[in-house]
Amino acid sequence: MMPGWAQALNEKVEKILPGFVPTISNFEFNRDLSFSFLAGDKNIKSTDDPGTLPLSRGTLDQLYLGIRLAVCKFLSGNVRLPVILDEPFAHTDEDRFVSGMNALCELAESYGQIIILSCHRLRHKKWMEEMNPKITLLDLDGLTSRAC
């Protein structure tokens, strides 16, 4: 029998993951927080050697991002806490970047504030022009820092 926390966390991951990695299904945490999932017809475990996985670096990054966001939501309960992400799509191609940003926009409605730190200004600006999301872009270029 699976503990209640594992079942609740699995449900959160199953809701979030398709927005980031639609090719992954049957995600399941185990009692020791290891996990397994299906990628196509392959059963993959978190304990497998990462070098042997049939997933790209970008896919793995988005998988782990979805897991982290699900854990954040699980731990915060009904409290809407800000989420800060540093370069969440650094290793993804343009299609995954767009789908990932769209997924984050959808999640922002239930999560609250999502802050993305990135040096890829043009990539984000282009996405904003094409998608017209309800977000604010703060360009920090030109700001200087001073020693305290």
C-alpha atoms as a PDB file:
ATOM      1  CA  MET A   1       0.000   0.000   0.000  1.00  0.00           C
ATOM      2  CA  MET A   2       1.305   3.422  -0.959  1.00  0.00           C
ATOM      3  CA  PRO A   3       1.497   6.107   1.773  1.00  0.00           C
ATOM      4  CA  GLY A   4      -1.030   8.958   1.489  1.00  0.00           C
ATOM      5  CA  TRP A   5       1.657  11.549   0.791  1.00  0.00           C
ATOM      6  CA  ALA A   6       3.016   9.532  -2.141  1.00  0.00           C
ATOM      7  CA  GLN A   7      -0.426   9.193  -3.715  1.00  0.00           C
ATOM      8  CA  ALA A   8      -1.135  12.924  -3.317  1.00  0.00           C
ATOM      9  CA  LEU A   9       2.265  13.836  -4.769  1.00  0.00           C
ATOM     10  CA  ASN A  10       1.809  11.416  -7.675  1.00  0.00           C
ATOM     11  CA  GLU A  11      -1.510  13.088  -8.500  1.00  0.00           C
ATOM     12  CA  LYS A  12       0.110  16.534  -8.535  1.00  0.00           C
ATOM     13  CA  VAL A  13       2.931  15.326 -10.803  1.00  0.00           C
ATOM     14  CA  GLU A  14       0.439  13.659 -13.172  1.00  0.00           C
ATOM     15  CA  LYS A  15      -1.418  16.989 -13.513  1.00  0.00           C
ATOM     16  CA  ILE A  16       1.686  19.123 -14.065  1.00  0.00           C
ATOM     17  CA  LEU A  17       3.995  16.898 -16.113  1.00  0.00           C
ATOM     18  CA  PRO A  18       2.053  16.782 -19.413  1.00  0.00           C
ATOM     19  CA  GLY A  19       2.589  20.532 -19.866  1.00  0.00           C
ATOM     20  CA  PHE A  20       6.341  20.031 -19.731  1.00  0.00           C
ATOM     21  CA  VAL A  21       6.944  16.486 -21.008  1.00  0.00           C
ATOM     22  CA  PRO A  22       3.852  15.065 -22.737  1.00  0.00           C
ATOM     23  CA  THR A  23       5.735  11.892 -23.759  1.00  0.00           C
ATOM     24  CA  ILE A  24       6.041  10.705 -20.145  1.00  0.00           C
ATOM     25  CA  SER A  25       3.241   8.797 -18.428  1.00  0.00           C
ATOM     26  CA  ASN A  26       2.563   6.571 -15.411  1.00  0.00           C
ATOM     27  CA  PHE A  27       4.782   8.652 -13.125  1.00  0.00           C
ATOM     28  CA  GLU A  28       4.984   7.223  -9.626  1.00  0.00           C
ATOM     29  CA  PHE A  29       6.922   8.082  -6.472  1.00  0.00           C
ATOM     30  CA  ASN A  30       7.958   5.196  -4.236  1.00  0.00           C
ATOM     31  CA  ARG A  31       8.192   5.179  -0.425  1.00  0.00           C
ATOM     32  CA  ASP A  32      11.870   6.208  -0.538  1.00  0.00           C
ATOM     33  CA  LEU A  33      11.154   9.144  -2.943  1.00  0.00           C
ATOM     34  CA  SER A  34      12.688   7.305  -5.872  1.00  0.00           C
ATOM     35  CA  PHE A  35      10.352   7.320  -8.852  1.00  0.00           C
ATOM     36  CA  SER A  36       9.556   5.545 -12.094  1.00  0.00           C
ATOM     37  CA  PHE A  37       7.702   6.446 -15.280  1.00  0.00           C
ATOM     38  CA  LEU A  38       7.084   5.361 -18.842  1.00  0.00           C
ATOM     39  CA  ALA A  39       8.819   7.152 -21.703  1.00  0.00           C
ATOM     40  CA  GLY A  40       7.216   5.683 -24.772  1.00  0.00           C
ATOM     41  CA  ASP A  41       7.341   1.934 -24.134  1.00  0.00           C
ATOM     42  CA  LYS A  42      10.361   2.049 -21.783  1.00  0.00           C
ATOM     43  CA  ASN A  43       9.974   1.799 -18.017  1.00  0.00           C
ATOM     44  CA  ILE A  44      12.498   4.192 -16.456  1.00  0.00           C
ATOM     45  CA  LYS A  45      13.534   4.438 -12.809  1.00  0.00           C
ATOM     46  CA  SER A  46      15.219   7.378 -11.097  1.00  0.00           C
ATOM     47  CA  THR A  47      17.893   4.946  -9.928  1.00  0.00           C
ATOM     48  CA  ASP A  48      18.898   4.133 -13.541  1.00  0.00           C
ATOM     49  CA  ASP A  49      22.226   5.442 -14.811  1.00  0.00           C
ATOM     50  CA  PRO A  50      21.441   8.861 -16.386  1.00  0.00           C
ATOM     51  CA  GLY A  51      23.861   8.106 -19.223  1.00  0.00           C
ATOM     52  CA  THR A  52      21.724   5.183 -20.358  1.00  0.00           C
ATOM     53  CA  LEU A  53      18.372   6.975 -20.393  1.00  0.00           C
ATOM     54  CA  PRO A  54      16.676   7.470 -23.766  1.00  0.00           C
ATOM     55  CA  LEU A  55      15.913  11.107 -22.885  1.00  0.00           C
ATOM     56  CA  SER A  56      17.672  14.304 -23.926  1.00  0.00           C
ATOM     57  CA  ARG A  57      19.145  16.755 -21.442  1.00  0.00           C
ATOM     58  CA  GLY A  58      16.312  19.192 -22.183  1.00  0.00           C
ATOM     59  CA  THR A  59      13.685  16.512 -21.566  1.00  0.00           C
ATOM     60  CA  LEU A  60      15.292  15.541 -18.255  1.00  0.00           C
ATOM     61  CA  ASP A  61      15.466  19.199 -17.202  1.00  0.00           C
ATOM     62  CA  GLN A  62      11.762  19.658 -17.918  1.00  0.00           C
ATOM     63  CA  LEU A  63      10.924  16.404 -16.137  1.00  0.00           C
ATOM     64  CA  TYR A  64      12.766  17.566 -13.025  1.00  0.00           C
ATOM     65  CA  LEU A  65      11.180  21.029 -13.283  1.00  0.00           C
ATOM     66  CA  GLY A  66       7.708  19.461 -13.310  1.00  0.00           C
ATOM     67  CA  ILE A  67       8.615  17.287 -10.324  1.00  0.00           C
ATOM     68  CA  ARG A  68       9.998  20.263  -8.368  1.00  0.00           C
ATOM     69  CA  LEU A  69       6.874  22.323  -9.069  1.00  0.00           C
ATOM     70  CA  ALA A  70       4.643  19.449  -7.944  1.00  0.00           C
ATOM     71  CA  VAL A  71       6.657  19.074  -4.726  1.00  0.00           C
ATOM     72  CA  CYS A  72       6.395  22.849  -4.117  1.00  0.00           C
ATOM     73  CA  LYS A  73       2.622  22.721  -4.532  1.00  0.00           C
ATOM     74  CA  PHE A  74       2.352  19.639  -2.333  1.00  0.00           C
ATOM     75  CA  LEU A  75       4.431  21.154   0.479  1.00  0.00           C
ATOM     76  CA  SER A  76       2.780  24.585   0.369  1.00  0.00           C
ATOM     77  CA  GLY A  77      -0.757  23.196   0.457  1.00  0.00           C
ATOM     78  CA  ASN A  78      -3.212  26.009  -0.207  1.00  0.00           C
ATOM     79  CA  VAL A  79      -0.678  28.769   0.499  1.00  0.00           C
ATOM     80  CA  ARG A  80       0.291  30.622  -2.680  1.00  0.00           C
ATOM     81  CA  LEU A  81       4.041  31.093  -2.421  1.00  0.00           C
ATOM     82  CA  PRO A  82       6.252  32.688  -5.074  1.00  0.00           C
ATOM     83  CA  VAL A  83       8.343  30.287  -7.139  1.00  0.00           C
ATOM     84  CA  ILE A  84      11.757  31.466  -8.368  1.00  0.00           C
ATOM     85  CA  LEU A  85      13.321  29.631 -11.316  1.00  0.00           C
ATOM     86  CA  ASP A  86      16.817  30.288 -12.636  1.00  0.00           C
ATOM     87  CA  GLU A  87      17.142  29.427 -16.353  1.00  0.00           C
ATOM     88  CA  PRO A  88      14.514  26.671 -16.324  1.00  0.00           C
ATOM     89  CA  PHE A  89      14.774  26.202 -20.110  1.00  0.00           C
ATOM     90  CA  ALA A  90      18.505  26.686 -20.685  1.00  0.00           C
ATOM     91  CA  HIS A  91      18.941  23.281 -22.353  1.00  0.00           C
ATOM     92  CA  THR A  92      15.728  23.112 -24.361  1.00  0.00           C
ATOM     93  CA  ASP A  93      14.972  23.677 -28.021  1.00  0.00           C
ATOM     94  CA  GLU A  94      12.532  26.396 -29.092  1.00  0.00           C
ATOM     95  CA  ASP A  95       9.468  24.127 -29.187  1.00  0.00           C
ATOM     96  CA  ARG A  96      10.065  22.891 -25.634  1.00  0.00           C
ATOM     97  CA  PHE A  97      10.795  26.451 -24.507  1.00  0.00           C
ATOM     98  CA  VAL A  98       7.438  27.638 -25.847  1.00  0.00           C
ATOM     99  CA  SER A  99       5.485  24.704 -24.388  1.00  0.00           C
ATOM    100  CA  GLY A 100       7.303  25.073 -21.056  1.00  0.00           C
ATOM    101  CA  MET A 101       6.617  28.804 -20.836  1.00  0.00           C
ATOM    102  CA  ASN A 102       2.968  28.197 -21.729  1.00  0.00           C
ATOM    103  CA  ALA A 103       2.765  25.531 -18.996  1.00  0.00           C
ATOM    104  CA  LEU A 104       4.275  27.961 -16.462  1.00  0.00           C
ATOM    105  CA  CYS A 105       1.702  30.599 -17.411  1.00  0.00           C
ATOM    106  CA  GLU A 106      -1.103  28.124 -16.795  1.00  0.00           C
ATOM    107  CA  LEU A 107       0.413  27.107 -13.459  1.00  0.00           C
ATOM    108  CA  ALA A 108       0.837  30.721 -12.362  1.00  0.00           C
ATOM    109  CA  GLU A 109      -2.935  31.001 -11.992  1.00  0.00           C
ATOM    110  CA  SER A 110      -2.950  28.424  -9.195  1.00  0.00           C
ATOM    111  CA  TYR A 111       0.594  28.873  -7.872  1.00  0.00           C
ATOM    112  CA  GLY A 112       0.688  32.628  -7.701  1.00  0.00           C
ATOM    113  CA  GLN A 113       3.805  34.480  -8.683  1.00  0.00           C
ATOM    114  CA  ILE A 114       6.414  32.658 -10.780  1.00  0.00           C
ATOM    115  CA  ILE A 115       9.684  34.531 -11.220  1.00  0.00           C
ATOM    116  CA  ILE A 116      12.013  33.438 -14.005  1.00  0.00           C
ATOM    117  CA  LEU A 117      15.617  34.603 -14.053  1.00  0.00           C
ATOM    118  CA  SER A 118      17.242  34.360 -17.467  1.00  0.00           C
ATOM    119  CA  CYS A 119      19.958  35.891 -19.592  1.00  0.00           C
ATOM    120  CA  HIS A 120      18.071  34.874 -22.763  1.00  0.00           C
ATOM    121  CA  ARG A 121      16.303  38.209 -23.176  1.00  0.00           C
ATOM    122  CA  LEU A 122      15.544  37.885 -26.896  1.00  0.00           C
ATOM    123  CA  ARG A 123      14.083  34.403 -26.518  1.00  0.00           C
ATOM    124  CA  HIS A 124      11.662  35.586 -23.833  1.00  0.00           C
ATOM    125  CA  LYS A 125      10.833  38.803 -25.669  1.00  0.00           C
ATOM    126  CA  LYS A 126       9.993  36.896 -28.875  1.00  0.00           C
ATOM    127  CA  TRP A 127       7.791  34.473 -26.938  1.00  0.00           C
ATOM    128  CA  MET A 128       5.963  37.352 -25.258  1.00  0.00           C
ATOM    129  CA  GLU A 129       5.324  39.076 -28.599  1.00  0.00           C
ATOM    130  CA  GLU A 130       3.918  35.881 -30.126  1.00  0.00           C
ATOM    131  CA  MET A 131       1.908  34.619 -27.142  1.00  0.00           C
ATOM    132  CA  ASN A 132       0.862  37.913 -25.502  1.00  0.00           C
ATOM    133  CA  PRO A 133       0.789  36.381 -21.996  1.00  0.00           C
ATOM    134  CA  LYS A 134      -0.335  38.113 -18.820  1.00  0.00           C
ATOM    135  CA  ILE A 135       3.190  38.512 -17.480  1.00  0.00           C
ATOM    136  CA  THR A 136       5.579  41.333 -16.779  1.00  0.00           C
ATOM    137  CA  LEU A 137       9.074  41.362 -18.214  1.00  0.00           C
ATOM    138  CA  LEU A 138      11.623  43.268 -16.164  1.00  0.00           C
ATOM    139  CA  ASP A 139      14.809  43.912 -18.093  1.00  0.00           C
ATOM    140  CA  LEU A 140      17.563  44.424 -15.549  1.00  0.00           C
ATOM    141  CA  ASP A 141      20.152  45.319 -18.164  1.00  0.00           C
ATOM    142  CA  GLY A 142      21.722  48.645 -17.310  1.00  0.00           C
ATOM    143  CA  LEU A 143      21.205  48.342 -13.577  1.00  0.00           C
ATOM    144  CA  THR A 144      24.397  48.589 -11.614  1.00  0.00           C
ATOM    145  CA  SER A 145      25.250  47.118  -8.280  1.00  0.00           C
ATOM    146  CA  ARG A 146      26.981  48.864  -5.436  1.00  0.00           C
ATOM    147  CA  ALA A 147      28.908  47.429  -2.565  1.00  0.00           C
ATOM    148  CA  CYS A 148      27.184  47.856   0.783  1.00  0.00           C
END
